[in-house]
Protein backbone atom coordinates (compact mmCIF):
# COMPACT_ATOMS: atom_id res chain seq x y z
CA MET A 1 -16.38 146.03 59.10
CA CYS A 2 -14.22 149.12 59.33
CA GLN A 3 -11.95 147.51 56.74
CA LYS A 4 -14.91 147.03 54.34
CA GLU A 5 -16.01 150.66 54.84
CA MET A 6 -12.51 151.85 53.99
CA GLU A 7 -12.43 149.65 50.88
CA LEU A 8 -15.86 150.92 49.89
CA SER A 9 -14.76 154.53 50.44
CA GLU A 10 -11.65 153.86 48.36
CA LEU A 11 -13.77 152.39 45.54
CA LYS A 12 -16.11 155.44 45.65
CA LYS A 13 -13.06 157.71 45.36
CA GLN A 14 -11.77 155.69 42.37
CA ILE A 15 -15.20 155.89 40.73
CA GLU A 16 -15.31 159.66 41.22
CA ASP A 17 -11.78 159.99 39.81
CA GLU A 18 -12.79 157.88 36.79
CA LYS A 19 -15.93 160.01 36.28
CA LEU A 20 -13.81 163.17 36.36
CA ALA A 21 -11.33 161.63 33.92
CA LEU A 22 -14.23 160.71 31.59
CA VAL A 23 -15.66 164.23 31.78
CA ASN A 24 -12.22 165.65 30.90
CA LEU A 25 -11.80 163.13 28.09
CA ARG A 26 -15.27 163.95 26.73
CA ALA A 27 -14.40 167.69 26.75
CA ARG A 28 -11.11 167.05 24.89
CA VAL A 29 -12.88 164.83 22.34
CA LYS A 30 -15.55 167.48 21.82
CA THR A 31 -12.87 170.14 21.28
CA GLU A 32 -10.89 167.95 18.88
CA LEU A 33 -14.05 166.99 17.01
CA GLY A 34 -14.89 170.68 16.61
CA ASP A 35 -11.37 171.31 15.28
CA ILE A 36 -11.75 168.44 12.84
CA GLN A 37 -15.14 169.71 11.66
CA ARG A 38 -13.68 173.20 11.10
CA THR A 39 -10.79 171.69 9.15
CA ILE A 40 -13.23 169.69 7.01
CA ALA A 41 -15.32 172.82 6.37
CA ASP A 42 -12.16 174.76 5.39
CA LYS A 43 -11.03 171.98 3.04
CA ASP A 44 -14.52 171.80 1.50
CA ALA A 45 -14.37 175.54 0.85
CA GLU A 46 -10.92 175.17 -0.75
CA LEU A 47 -12.22 172.31 -2.87
CA ARG A 48 -15.18 174.40 -4.08
CA VAL A 49 -12.84 177.24 -5.05
CA ALA A 50 -10.52 174.81 -6.88
CA LYS A 51 -13.47 173.26 -8.74
CA GLU A 52 -14.71 176.71 -9.80
CA TYR A 53 -11.19 177.60 -10.92
CA LEU A 54 -10.80 174.40 -12.93
CA ASN A 55 -14.32 174.63 -14.32
CA GLY A 56 -13.21 177.37 -16.70
CA LEU A 57 -10.61 175.18 -18.43
CA LYS A 58 -11.29 174.30 -22.05
CA GLU A 59 -10.00 171.33 -24.02
CA VAL A 60 -7.93 172.62 -26.94
CA HIS A 61 -6.68 170.37 -29.75
CA ILE A 62 -3.41 171.48 -31.29
CA ASN A 63 -2.52 170.00 -34.68
CA TYR A 64 0.53 170.57 -36.84
CA THR A 65 1.59 168.95 -40.09
CA THR A 66 5.32 168.65 -40.65
CA ASN A 67 8.03 166.22 -41.67
CA GLY A 68 9.88 166.18 -38.34
CA GLN A 69 10.78 163.24 -36.15
CA VAL A 70 10.11 164.98 -32.79
CA VAL A 71 7.48 167.70 -32.58
CA GLU A 72 6.67 169.81 -29.52
CA VAL A 73 4.66 172.93 -28.80
CA ALA A 74 5.40 175.71 -26.33
CA GLY A 75 3.73 179.00 -25.63
CA SER A 76 2.59 181.80 -23.43
CA PHE A 77 0.04 179.41 -21.86
CA ASN A 78 2.82 178.16 -19.57
CA GLY A 79 5.28 181.03 -19.81
CA TRP A 80 7.28 179.24 -22.52
CA GLN A 81 8.74 177.13 -19.71
CA HIS A 82 7.80 173.63 -20.85
CA LYS A 83 7.71 172.05 -24.25
CA ILE A 84 4.70 169.78 -24.71
CA ARG A 85 5.50 166.75 -26.82
CA MET A 86 3.00 166.15 -29.60
CA ASP A 87 1.80 162.73 -30.73
CA LEU A 88 2.30 161.39 -34.23
CA HIS A 89 -0.85 160.24 -36.00
CA HIS A 90 0.26 157.05 -37.73
CA SER A 91 -3.05 156.89 -39.55
CA SER A 92 -2.62 160.36 -41.03
CA GLU A 93 -2.10 160.47 -44.74
CA CYS A 94 1.42 161.33 -45.75
CA ILE A 95 1.64 164.30 -48.04
CA ASP A 96 4.48 164.51 -50.53
CA SER A 97 6.61 167.55 -49.92
CA PRO A 98 9.35 169.07 -52.07
CA ALA A 99 11.81 167.53 -49.62
CA SER A 100 12.39 163.81 -49.56
CA ARG A 101 10.53 163.32 -46.28
CA LYS A 102 6.73 163.12 -46.04
CA LEU A 103 4.53 165.48 -44.05
CA VAL A 104 2.54 163.85 -41.25
CA LEU A 105 0.03 165.09 -38.70
CA TRP A 106 1.10 165.69 -35.09
CA SER A 107 -1.32 166.62 -32.31
CA THR A 108 -1.77 167.16 -28.61
CA VAL A 109 -4.50 168.32 -26.24
CA LEU A 110 -4.07 171.24 -23.86
CA TRP A 111 -6.42 172.38 -21.10
CA LEU A 112 -6.45 176.17 -21.14
CA TYR A 113 -8.52 179.06 -19.84
CA PRO A 114 -10.25 181.28 -22.37
CA GLY A 115 -7.87 183.86 -23.75
CA ILE A 116 -5.39 184.64 -26.48
CA TYR A 117 -2.07 182.85 -26.41
CA GLU A 118 1.06 182.79 -28.52
CA ILE A 119 2.50 179.39 -29.44
CA LYS A 120 5.34 178.01 -31.47
CA PHE A 121 6.28 174.54 -32.64
CA ILE A 122 9.63 172.90 -32.04
CA VAL A 123 10.45 170.44 -34.83
CA ASP A 124 13.57 168.38 -34.28
CA GLY A 125 14.90 171.13 -32.01
CA HIS A 126 14.13 174.00 -34.41
CA TRP A 127 11.48 176.62 -33.54
CA GLU A 128 8.94 177.27 -36.27
CA VAL A 129 5.49 178.70 -36.84
CA ASP A 130 2.63 177.24 -38.84
CA PRO A 131 2.44 179.52 -41.90
CA GLY A 132 -1.15 178.39 -42.49
CA GLN A 133 -2.33 179.94 -39.21
CA GLU A 134 -2.53 183.46 -37.83
CA ILE A 135 0.91 184.86 -37.05
CA ILE A 136 1.93 187.70 -34.75
CA THR A 137 5.29 189.44 -34.64
CA GLY A 138 6.46 191.47 -31.67
CA GLY A 139 9.66 192.06 -29.75
CA GLY A 140 11.66 190.38 -32.49
CA PHE A 141 9.67 187.13 -32.20
CA THR A 142 7.21 185.58 -34.63
CA ASN A 143 4.60 183.24 -33.16
CA ASN A 144 1.26 181.71 -34.00
CA VAL A 145 -1.87 182.98 -32.28
CA LEU A 146 -4.06 180.56 -30.35
CA ILE A 147 -7.51 181.80 -29.33
CA VAL A 148 -9.45 179.88 -26.70
CA ASP A 149 -13.07 181.03 -26.70
CA GLY A 150 -15.03 181.14 -23.43
CA GLY A 151 -17.98 179.31 -24.95
CA HIS A 152 -16.04 176.46 -26.47
CA ALA A 153 -12.54 175.35 -27.26
CA LEU A 154 -11.37 176.26 -30.72
CA MET A 155 -9.55 173.61 -32.66
CA TYR A 156 -6.24 174.85 -33.89
CA MET A 157 -5.24 173.27 -37.18
């Protein structure tokens, strides 16, 4: 009988230890869950800010007619750091030029914030402006002007 009482006392002690371990575990889980909820709230706030920031972007179509084989555009919209390759429109009508090669339409789409930008075309490695569009000269450089309106994206032809 004494043996059974000792075993019972030992079992009660184990149960109390397990209860204490569960209470500690519950407290840790509650703390970690709170941390996770705060992290989610912070990320949601960051996401809202990013969406607002991106919401101002406008789709801008850039078109250029030339007789080049590789046509790119660069500009102040990305600090002149990257040339954006333009796509050839195979369905565009070829226009006879004084040179032996035909003029064809090249285009690309940029996502830009409203503002005024300077751009320039790179045709087969040579920088050139579109003489049919607004031109600005400053600091020894001549560039085209690209205006992105806040209400809508202007198509640049």
